[in-house]
Amino acid sequence: METPLVQVTDGCIRLAGELTVHRAEDIKPLLLASLPTDGAVARLDLSQVSEIDTAGLQLLIAANREVSNRGTALHIVAVSSVVEETLVLFRQSSLMAQPASPESTP
């Protein structure tokens, strides 16, 4: 059985496999439709992404723009090494959520 392109579990949007030009057209409407509409921060888990190119990066930027238009934010809460390298290379690492400091943990 093939893994869905976009999964939403416990308020977290999970993408897996390739975020490339070959899949961007299929992923974009699913990703945008999965973004919260209730003012909640959109949380993305990209830890299972095996490949990302500029089309995949454009998807992330489009999702960020969409939630910004809704008055909220997008945080990437988990990344694979290829996603992290790409975000850093294209100066988009600000999308990655900052880990909670030990003082703020209950």
C-alpha atoms as a PDB file:
ATOM      1  CA  MET A   1       0.000   0.000   0.000  1.00  0.00           C
ATOM      2  CA  GLU A   2       1.381   3.409  -0.984  1.00  0.00           C
ATOM      3  CA  THR A   3       1.839   6.073   1.693  1.00  0.00           C
ATOM      4  CA  PRO A   4      -0.438   9.098   1.213  1.00  0.00           C
ATOM      5  CA  LEU A   5       1.363  12.194  -0.062  1.00  0.00           C
ATOM      6  CA  VAL A   6       0.108  14.286   2.856  1.00  0.00           C
ATOM      7  CA  GLN A   7      -0.978  12.931   6.253  1.00  0.00           C
ATOM      8  CA  VAL A   8      -2.463  14.930   9.116  1.00  0.00           C
ATOM      9  CA  THR A   9      -2.200  13.399  12.576  1.00  0.00           C
ATOM     10  CA  ASP A  10      -2.689  15.165  15.895  1.00  0.00           C
ATOM     11  CA  GLY A  11      -2.610  18.559  14.183  1.00  0.00           C
ATOM     12  CA  CYS A  12       0.744  17.866  12.518  1.00  0.00           C
ATOM     13  CA  ILE A  13       1.063  17.677   8.731  1.00  0.00           C
ATOM     14  CA  ARG A  14       3.475  14.957   7.641  1.00  0.00           C
ATOM     15  CA  LEU A  15       5.076  14.713   4.219  1.00  0.00           C
ATOM     16  CA  ALA A  16       7.235  11.767   3.169  1.00  0.00           C
ATOM     17  CA  GLY A  17       9.255  10.681   0.159  1.00  0.00           C
ATOM     18  CA  GLU A  18      10.234  13.138  -2.534  1.00  0.00           C
ATOM     19  CA  LEU A  19       9.326  16.833  -2.539  1.00  0.00           C
ATOM     20  CA  THR A  20      10.430  17.340  -6.101  1.00  0.00           C
ATOM     21  CA  VAL A  21       9.175  18.732  -9.378  1.00  0.00           C
ATOM     22  CA  HIS A  22       7.854  15.241 -10.214  1.00  0.00           C
ATOM     23  CA  ARG A  23       5.409  15.313  -7.272  1.00  0.00           C
ATOM     24  CA  ALA A  24       4.844  19.036  -6.654  1.00  0.00           C
ATOM     25  CA  GLU A  25       1.692  19.272  -8.761  1.00  0.00           C
ATOM     26  CA  ASP A  26       0.090  16.429  -6.793  1.00  0.00           C
ATOM     27  CA  ILE A  27       1.246  17.581  -3.365  1.00  0.00           C
ATOM     28  CA  LYS A  28       0.432  21.305  -3.561  1.00  0.00           C
ATOM     29  CA  PRO A  29      -3.393  21.143  -3.387  1.00  0.00           C
ATOM     30  CA  LEU A  30      -3.246  18.484  -0.658  1.00  0.00           C
ATOM     31  CA  LEU A  31      -0.749  20.472   1.396  1.00  0.00           C
ATOM     32  CA  LEU A  32      -2.652  23.743   1.092  1.00  0.00           C
ATOM     33  CA  ALA A  33      -5.953  22.031   1.944  1.00  0.00           C
ATOM     34  CA  SER A  34      -4.408  20.482   5.068  1.00  0.00           C
ATOM     35  CA  LEU A  35      -3.299  23.811   6.539  1.00  0.00           C
ATOM     36  CA  PRO A  36      -5.288  24.815   9.629  1.00  0.00           C
ATOM     37  CA  THR A  37      -8.102  27.290   9.145  1.00  0.00           C
ATOM     38  CA  ASP A  38      -8.778  27.896  12.853  1.00  0.00           C
ATOM     39  CA  GLY A  39      -5.859  30.246  13.519  1.00  0.00           C
ATOM     40  CA  ALA A  40      -3.596  27.473  14.797  1.00  0.00           C
ATOM     41  CA  VAL A  41       0.067  27.393  13.828  1.00  0.00           C
ATOM     42  CA  ALA A  42       0.657  24.984  10.952  1.00  0.00           C
ATOM     43  CA  ARG A  43       3.141  22.309  12.030  1.00  0.00           C
ATOM     44  CA  LEU A  44       5.021  20.343   9.358  1.00  0.00           C
ATOM     45  CA  ASP A  45       6.935  17.133   9.929  1.00  0.00           C
ATOM     46  CA  LEU A  46       9.414  16.639   7.098  1.00  0.00           C
ATOM     47  CA  SER A  47      11.559  14.028   8.835  1.00  0.00           C
ATOM     48  CA  GLN A  48      10.651  11.370   6.242  1.00  0.00           C
ATOM     49  CA  VAL A  49      11.399  13.498   3.177  1.00  0.00           C
ATOM     50  CA  SER A  50      14.104  11.726   1.182  1.00  0.00           C
ATOM     51  CA  GLU A  51      14.656  14.347  -1.517  1.00  0.00           C
ATOM     52  CA  ILE A  52      13.789  18.000  -2.017  1.00  0.00           C
ATOM     53  CA  ASP A  53      14.477  20.353  -4.883  1.00  0.00           C
ATOM     54  CA  THR A  54      13.510  23.941  -5.591  1.00  0.00           C
ATOM     55  CA  ALA A  55       9.961  22.864  -6.500  1.00  0.00           C
ATOM     56  CA  GLY A  56       9.660  21.307  -3.030  1.00  0.00           C
ATOM     57  CA  LEU A  57      11.065  24.445  -1.472  1.00  0.00           C
ATOM     58  CA  GLN A  58       8.489  26.488  -3.412  1.00  0.00           C
ATOM     59  CA  LEU A  59       5.754  24.293  -1.898  1.00  0.00           C
ATOM     60  CA  LEU A  60       6.992  25.125   1.591  1.00  0.00           C
ATOM     61  CA  ILE A  61       7.156  28.824   0.768  1.00  0.00           C
ATOM     62  CA  ALA A  62       3.627  28.713  -0.716  1.00  0.00           C
ATOM     63  CA  ALA A  63       2.335  27.022   2.451  1.00  0.00           C
ATOM     64  CA  ASN A  64       4.099  29.639   4.574  1.00  0.00           C
ATOM     65  CA  ARG A  65       2.561  32.437   2.496  1.00  0.00           C
ATOM     66  CA  GLU A  66      -0.902  30.875   2.794  1.00  0.00           C
ATOM     67  CA  VAL A  67      -0.797  30.633   6.600  1.00  0.00           C
ATOM     68  CA  SER A  68       0.633  34.150   6.780  1.00  0.00           C
ATOM     69  CA  ASN A  69      -2.347  35.389   4.752  1.00  0.00           C
ATOM     70  CA  ARG A  70      -4.550  33.675   7.338  1.00  0.00           C
ATOM     71  CA  GLY A  71      -2.793  35.552  10.143  1.00  0.00           C
ATOM     72  CA  THR A  72      -0.869  32.641  11.618  1.00  0.00           C
ATOM     73  CA  ALA A  73       2.464  30.890  11.069  1.00  0.00           C
ATOM     74  CA  LEU A  74       4.084  27.751   9.741  1.00  0.00           C
ATOM     75  CA  HIS A  75       6.656  25.851  11.781  1.00  0.00           C
ATOM     76  CA  ILE A  76       8.632  22.921  10.484  1.00  0.00           C
ATOM     77  CA  VAL A  77       8.958  20.782  13.594  1.00  0.00           C
ATOM     78  CA  ALA A  78      11.050  17.910  12.219  1.00  0.00           C
ATOM     79  CA  VAL A  79      13.330  17.635   9.212  1.00  0.00           C
ATOM     80  CA  SER A  80      15.469  15.101   7.428  1.00  0.00           C
ATOM     81  CA  SER A  81      19.076  16.028   6.745  1.00  0.00           C
ATOM     82  CA  VAL A  82      18.324  16.822   3.075  1.00  0.00           C
ATOM     83  CA  VAL A  83      15.529  19.205   4.054  1.00  0.00           C
ATOM     84  CA  GLU A  84      17.701  20.922   6.648  1.00  0.00           C
ATOM     85  CA  GLU A  85      20.547  21.358   4.151  1.00  0.00           C
ATOM     86  CA  THR A  86      18.152  22.835   1.577  1.00  0.00           C
ATOM     87  CA  LEU A  87      16.526  25.232   4.043  1.00  0.00           C
ATOM     88  CA  VAL A  88      19.933  26.448   5.191  1.00  0.00           C
ATOM     89  CA  LEU A  89      21.268  26.731   1.630  1.00  0.00           C
ATOM     90  CA  PHE A  90      18.316  28.867   0.537  1.00  0.00           C
ATOM     91  CA  ARG A  91      18.216  30.862   3.801  1.00  0.00           C
ATOM     92  CA  GLN A  92      14.812  29.532   4.806  1.00  0.00           C
ATOM     93  CA  SER A  93      15.880  27.919   8.088  1.00  0.00           C
ATOM     94  CA  SER A  94      13.673  30.402   9.959  1.00  0.00           C
ATOM     95  CA  LEU A  95      10.775  28.098   9.024  1.00  0.00           C
ATOM     96  CA  MET A  96      12.152  25.484  11.411  1.00  0.00           C
ATOM     97  CA  ALA A  97      10.563  25.792  14.846  1.00  0.00           C
ATOM     98  CA  GLN A  98      12.952  26.666  17.614  1.00  0.00           C
ATOM     99  CA  PRO A  99      13.181  23.944  20.264  1.00  0.00           C
ATOM    100  CA  ALA A 100      11.635  24.810  23.624  1.00  0.00           C
ATOM    101  CA  SER A 101      14.148  25.942  26.190  1.00  0.00           C
ATOM    102  CA  PRO A 102      14.458  23.764  29.311  1.00  0.00           C
ATOM    103  CA  GLU A 103      13.106  26.624  31.425  1.00  0.00           C
ATOM    104  CA  SER A 104       9.851  26.732  29.438  1.00  0.00           C
ATOM    105  CA  THR A 105       9.202  23.004  29.731  1.00  0.00           C
ATOM    106  CA  PRO A 106       6.635  22.204  32.456  1.00  0.00           C
END
